[in-house]
Amino acid sequence: MAYAKLDEKELKKAIKETKEAIWRGQKLLKRISDKPTTAGRKEVADATPKLIDKLERDLKKLEKALETKSEP
């Protein structure tokens, strides 16, 4: 996504939502990674770290775009 096209308000909202998604992903991973009892849970446990990594990369891009917008 072209984060530079978002205005400051949209960037702040996206940052907040991305942080929440990372937190939820970490919480989910913590709950199911110890003992995934089904194949589906194992797949979720295997895929969640990759999703969290992508969200963290996106968060950095969003924060950088907001920093750029905030500069005079």
N, C-alpha and C. Protein backbone atom coordinates (compact mmCIF):
# COMPACT_ATOMS: atom_id res chain seq x y z
N MET A 1 0.83 -1.18 0.00
CA MET A 1 0.00 0.00 0.00
C MET A 1 0.87 1.24 0.00
N ALA A 2 0.41 2.27 -0.64
CA ALA A 2 1.15 3.53 -0.69
C ALA A 2 0.80 4.36 0.55
N TYR A 3 1.56 4.15 1.60
CA TYR A 3 1.26 4.81 2.87
C TYR A 3 1.41 6.33 2.77
N ALA A 4 2.27 6.80 1.87
CA ALA A 4 2.49 8.23 1.73
C ALA A 4 1.23 8.95 1.26
N LYS A 5 0.31 8.24 0.65
CA LYS A 5 -0.92 8.86 0.16
C LYS A 5 -1.94 9.09 1.28
N LEU A 6 -1.74 8.46 2.42
CA LEU A 6 -2.65 8.62 3.54
C LEU A 6 -2.37 9.92 4.26
N ASP A 7 -3.41 10.55 4.79
CA ASP A 7 -3.18 11.75 5.58
C ASP A 7 -2.78 11.35 7.00
N GLU A 8 -2.44 12.35 7.79
CA GLU A 8 -1.94 12.09 9.14
C GLU A 8 -2.94 11.33 10.00
N LYS A 9 -4.21 11.69 9.92
CA LYS A 9 -5.24 11.03 10.70
C LYS A 9 -5.36 9.55 10.30
N GLU A 10 -5.34 9.28 9.00
CA GLU A 10 -5.42 7.90 8.51
C GLU A 10 -4.21 7.08 8.93
N LEU A 11 -3.04 7.70 8.89
CA LEU A 11 -1.82 7.01 9.30
C LEU A 11 -1.87 6.66 10.78
N LYS A 12 -2.31 7.59 11.61
CA LYS A 12 -2.41 7.32 13.04
C LYS A 12 -3.38 6.19 13.32
N LYS A 13 -4.49 6.18 12.62
CA LYS A 13 -5.48 5.11 12.78
C LYS A 13 -4.89 3.78 12.34
N ALA A 14 -4.19 3.77 11.22
CA ALA A 14 -3.58 2.54 10.71
C ALA A 14 -2.51 2.02 11.67
N ILE A 15 -1.74 2.92 12.26
CA ILE A 15 -0.71 2.52 13.23
C ILE A 15 -1.37 1.88 14.45
N LYS A 16 -2.42 2.51 14.94
CA LYS A 16 -3.13 1.98 16.11
C LYS A 16 -3.69 0.59 15.81
N GLU A 17 -4.32 0.44 14.65
CA GLU A 17 -4.92 -0.85 14.29
C GLU A 17 -3.85 -1.92 14.05
N THR A 18 -2.72 -1.54 13.49
CA THR A 18 -1.64 -2.50 13.26
C THR A 18 -1.04 -2.96 14.58
N LYS A 19 -0.86 -2.04 15.51
CA LYS A 19 -0.35 -2.41 16.83
C LYS A 19 -1.30 -3.38 17.52
N GLU A 20 -2.60 -3.12 17.39
CA GLU A 20 -3.59 -4.00 18.00
C GLU A 20 -3.55 -5.39 17.34
N ALA A 21 -3.39 -5.42 16.02
CA ALA A 21 -3.32 -6.70 15.32
C ALA A 21 -2.09 -7.50 15.75
N ILE A 22 -0.97 -6.81 15.94
CA ILE A 22 0.25 -7.48 16.41
C ILE A 22 0.01 -8.06 17.80
N TRP A 23 -0.59 -7.26 18.68
CA TRP A 23 -0.87 -7.72 20.04
C TRP A 23 -1.78 -8.93 20.03
N ARG A 24 -2.84 -8.88 19.22
CA ARG A 24 -3.77 -10.01 19.14
C ARG A 24 -3.09 -11.25 18.58
N GLY A 25 -2.22 -11.06 17.59
CA GLY A 25 -1.49 -12.19 17.03
C GLY A 25 -0.57 -12.83 18.06
N GLN A 26 0.12 -12.00 18.84
CA GLN A 26 0.99 -12.52 19.88
C GLN A 26 0.20 -13.26 20.94
N LYS A 27 -0.95 -12.72 21.29
CA LYS A 27 -1.81 -13.36 22.29
C LYS A 27 -2.31 -14.71 21.77
N LEU A 28 -2.74 -14.75 20.52
CA LEU A 28 -3.19 -15.99 19.90
C LEU A 28 -2.07 -17.02 19.87
N LEU A 29 -0.91 -16.60 19.45
CA LEU A 29 0.23 -17.51 19.37
C LEU A 29 0.58 -18.09 20.73
N LYS A 30 0.53 -17.25 21.74
CA LYS A 30 0.84 -17.71 23.10
C LYS A 30 -0.14 -18.79 23.55
N ARG A 31 -1.40 -18.60 23.20
CA ARG A 31 -2.43 -19.56 23.63
C ARG A 31 -2.34 -20.90 22.91
N ILE A 32 -2.03 -20.89 21.62
CA ILE A 32 -2.12 -22.14 20.88
C ILE A 32 -0.78 -22.81 20.58
N SER A 33 0.32 -22.12 20.76
CA SER A 33 1.59 -22.70 20.36
C SER A 33 2.09 -23.79 21.31
N ASP A 34 1.69 -23.74 22.56
CA ASP A 34 2.17 -24.74 23.51
C ASP A 34 1.70 -26.15 23.15
N LYS A 35 0.42 -26.28 22.88
CA LYS A 35 -0.13 -27.61 22.58
C LYS A 35 -1.20 -27.52 21.50
N PRO A 36 -0.77 -27.33 20.24
CA PRO A 36 -1.79 -27.33 19.19
C PRO A 36 -2.40 -28.72 19.06
N THR A 37 -3.67 -28.86 19.39
CA THR A 37 -4.30 -30.17 19.49
C THR A 37 -4.88 -30.67 18.17
N THR A 38 -5.00 -29.79 17.18
CA THR A 38 -5.53 -30.22 15.89
C THR A 38 -4.62 -29.72 14.79
N ALA A 39 -4.81 -30.27 13.60
CA ALA A 39 -4.00 -29.84 12.46
C ALA A 39 -4.24 -28.37 12.16
N GLY A 40 -5.49 -27.93 12.29
CA GLY A 40 -5.81 -26.53 12.04
C GLY A 40 -5.11 -25.59 13.00
N ARG A 41 -5.10 -25.97 14.26
CA ARG A 41 -4.40 -25.14 15.26
C ARG A 41 -2.90 -25.12 15.00
N LYS A 42 -2.36 -26.24 14.57
CA LYS A 42 -0.92 -26.28 14.25
C LYS A 42 -0.62 -25.35 13.09
N GLU A 43 -1.48 -25.35 12.08
CA GLU A 43 -1.28 -24.45 10.95
C GLU A 43 -1.32 -22.99 11.40
N VAL A 44 -2.26 -22.67 12.27
CA VAL A 44 -2.35 -21.31 12.80
C VAL A 44 -1.10 -20.97 13.59
N ALA A 45 -0.64 -21.89 14.42
CA ALA A 45 0.57 -21.67 15.22
C ALA A 45 1.79 -21.48 14.33
N ASP A 46 1.83 -22.19 13.21
CA ASP A 46 2.96 -22.06 12.29
C ASP A 46 2.90 -20.76 11.48
N ALA A 47 1.70 -20.32 11.12
CA ALA A 47 1.54 -19.15 10.26
C ALA A 47 1.57 -17.83 11.02
N THR A 48 1.19 -17.84 12.28
CA THR A 48 1.05 -16.59 13.03
C THR A 48 2.36 -15.82 13.17
N PRO A 49 3.50 -16.45 13.43
CA PRO A 49 4.74 -15.66 13.51
C PRO A 49 5.06 -14.92 12.21
N LYS A 50 4.76 -15.54 11.08
CA LYS A 50 5.00 -14.87 9.79
C LYS A 50 4.09 -13.66 9.64
N LEU A 51 2.86 -13.80 10.07
CA LEU A 51 1.91 -12.69 10.01
C LEU A 51 2.36 -11.56 10.93
N ILE A 52 2.80 -11.89 12.12
CA ILE A 52 3.27 -10.87 13.06
C ILE A 52 4.47 -10.14 12.47
N ASP A 53 5.39 -10.87 11.86
CA ASP A 53 6.56 -10.23 11.23
C ASP A 53 6.14 -9.25 10.15
N LYS A 54 5.18 -9.65 9.32
CA LYS A 54 4.70 -8.76 8.26
C LYS A 54 4.03 -7.52 8.86
N LEU A 55 3.23 -7.71 9.88
CA LEU A 55 2.59 -6.57 10.54
C LEU A 55 3.62 -5.63 11.14
N GLU A 56 4.68 -6.17 11.72
CA GLU A 56 5.73 -5.33 12.30
C GLU A 56 6.47 -4.54 11.21
N ARG A 57 6.69 -5.17 10.05
CA ARG A 57 7.31 -4.44 8.93
C ARG A 57 6.39 -3.32 8.45
N ASP A 58 5.10 -3.63 8.33
CA ASP A 58 4.13 -2.62 7.92
C ASP A 58 4.06 -1.48 8.93
N LEU A 59 4.12 -1.81 10.20
CA LEU A 59 4.09 -0.79 11.25
C LEU A 59 5.26 0.18 11.09
N LYS A 60 6.43 -0.34 10.82
CA LYS A 60 7.61 0.52 10.63
C LYS A 60 7.39 1.46 9.44
N LYS A 61 6.81 0.94 8.36
CA LYS A 61 6.54 1.77 7.19
C LYS A 61 5.52 2.85 7.51
N LEU A 62 4.49 2.48 8.24
CA LEU A 62 3.47 3.45 8.64
C LEU A 62 4.07 4.55 9.51
N GLU A 63 4.88 4.15 10.48
CA GLU A 63 5.50 5.13 11.38
C GLU A 63 6.44 6.06 10.61
N LYS A 64 7.15 5.51 9.64
CA LYS A 64 8.05 6.33 8.83
C LYS A 64 7.24 7.31 7.98
N ALA A 65 6.13 6.85 7.40
CA ALA A 65 5.29 7.74 6.60
C ALA A 65 4.71 8.85 7.46
N LEU A 66 4.30 8.51 8.69
CA LEU A 66 3.76 9.54 9.60
C LEU A 66 4.84 10.54 9.98
N GLU A 67 6.04 10.04 10.23
CA GLU A 67 7.16 10.93 10.58
C GLU A 67 7.43 11.89 9.43
N THR A 68 7.40 11.39 8.20
CA THR A 68 7.63 12.22 7.03
C THR A 68 6.54 13.28 6.89
N LYS A 69 5.29 12.89 7.12
CA LYS A 69 4.17 13.84 7.04
C LYS A 69 4.27 14.92 8.12
N SER A 70 4.79 14.54 9.27
CA SER A 70 4.84 15.46 10.41
C SER A 70 5.98 16.47 10.32
N GLU A 71 6.95 16.20 9.45
CA GLU A 71 8.09 17.11 9.32
C GLU A 71 7.64 18.41 8.65
N PRO A 72 8.19 19.54 9.12
CA PRO A 72 7.80 20.83 8.53
C PRO A 72 8.32 21.03 7.13
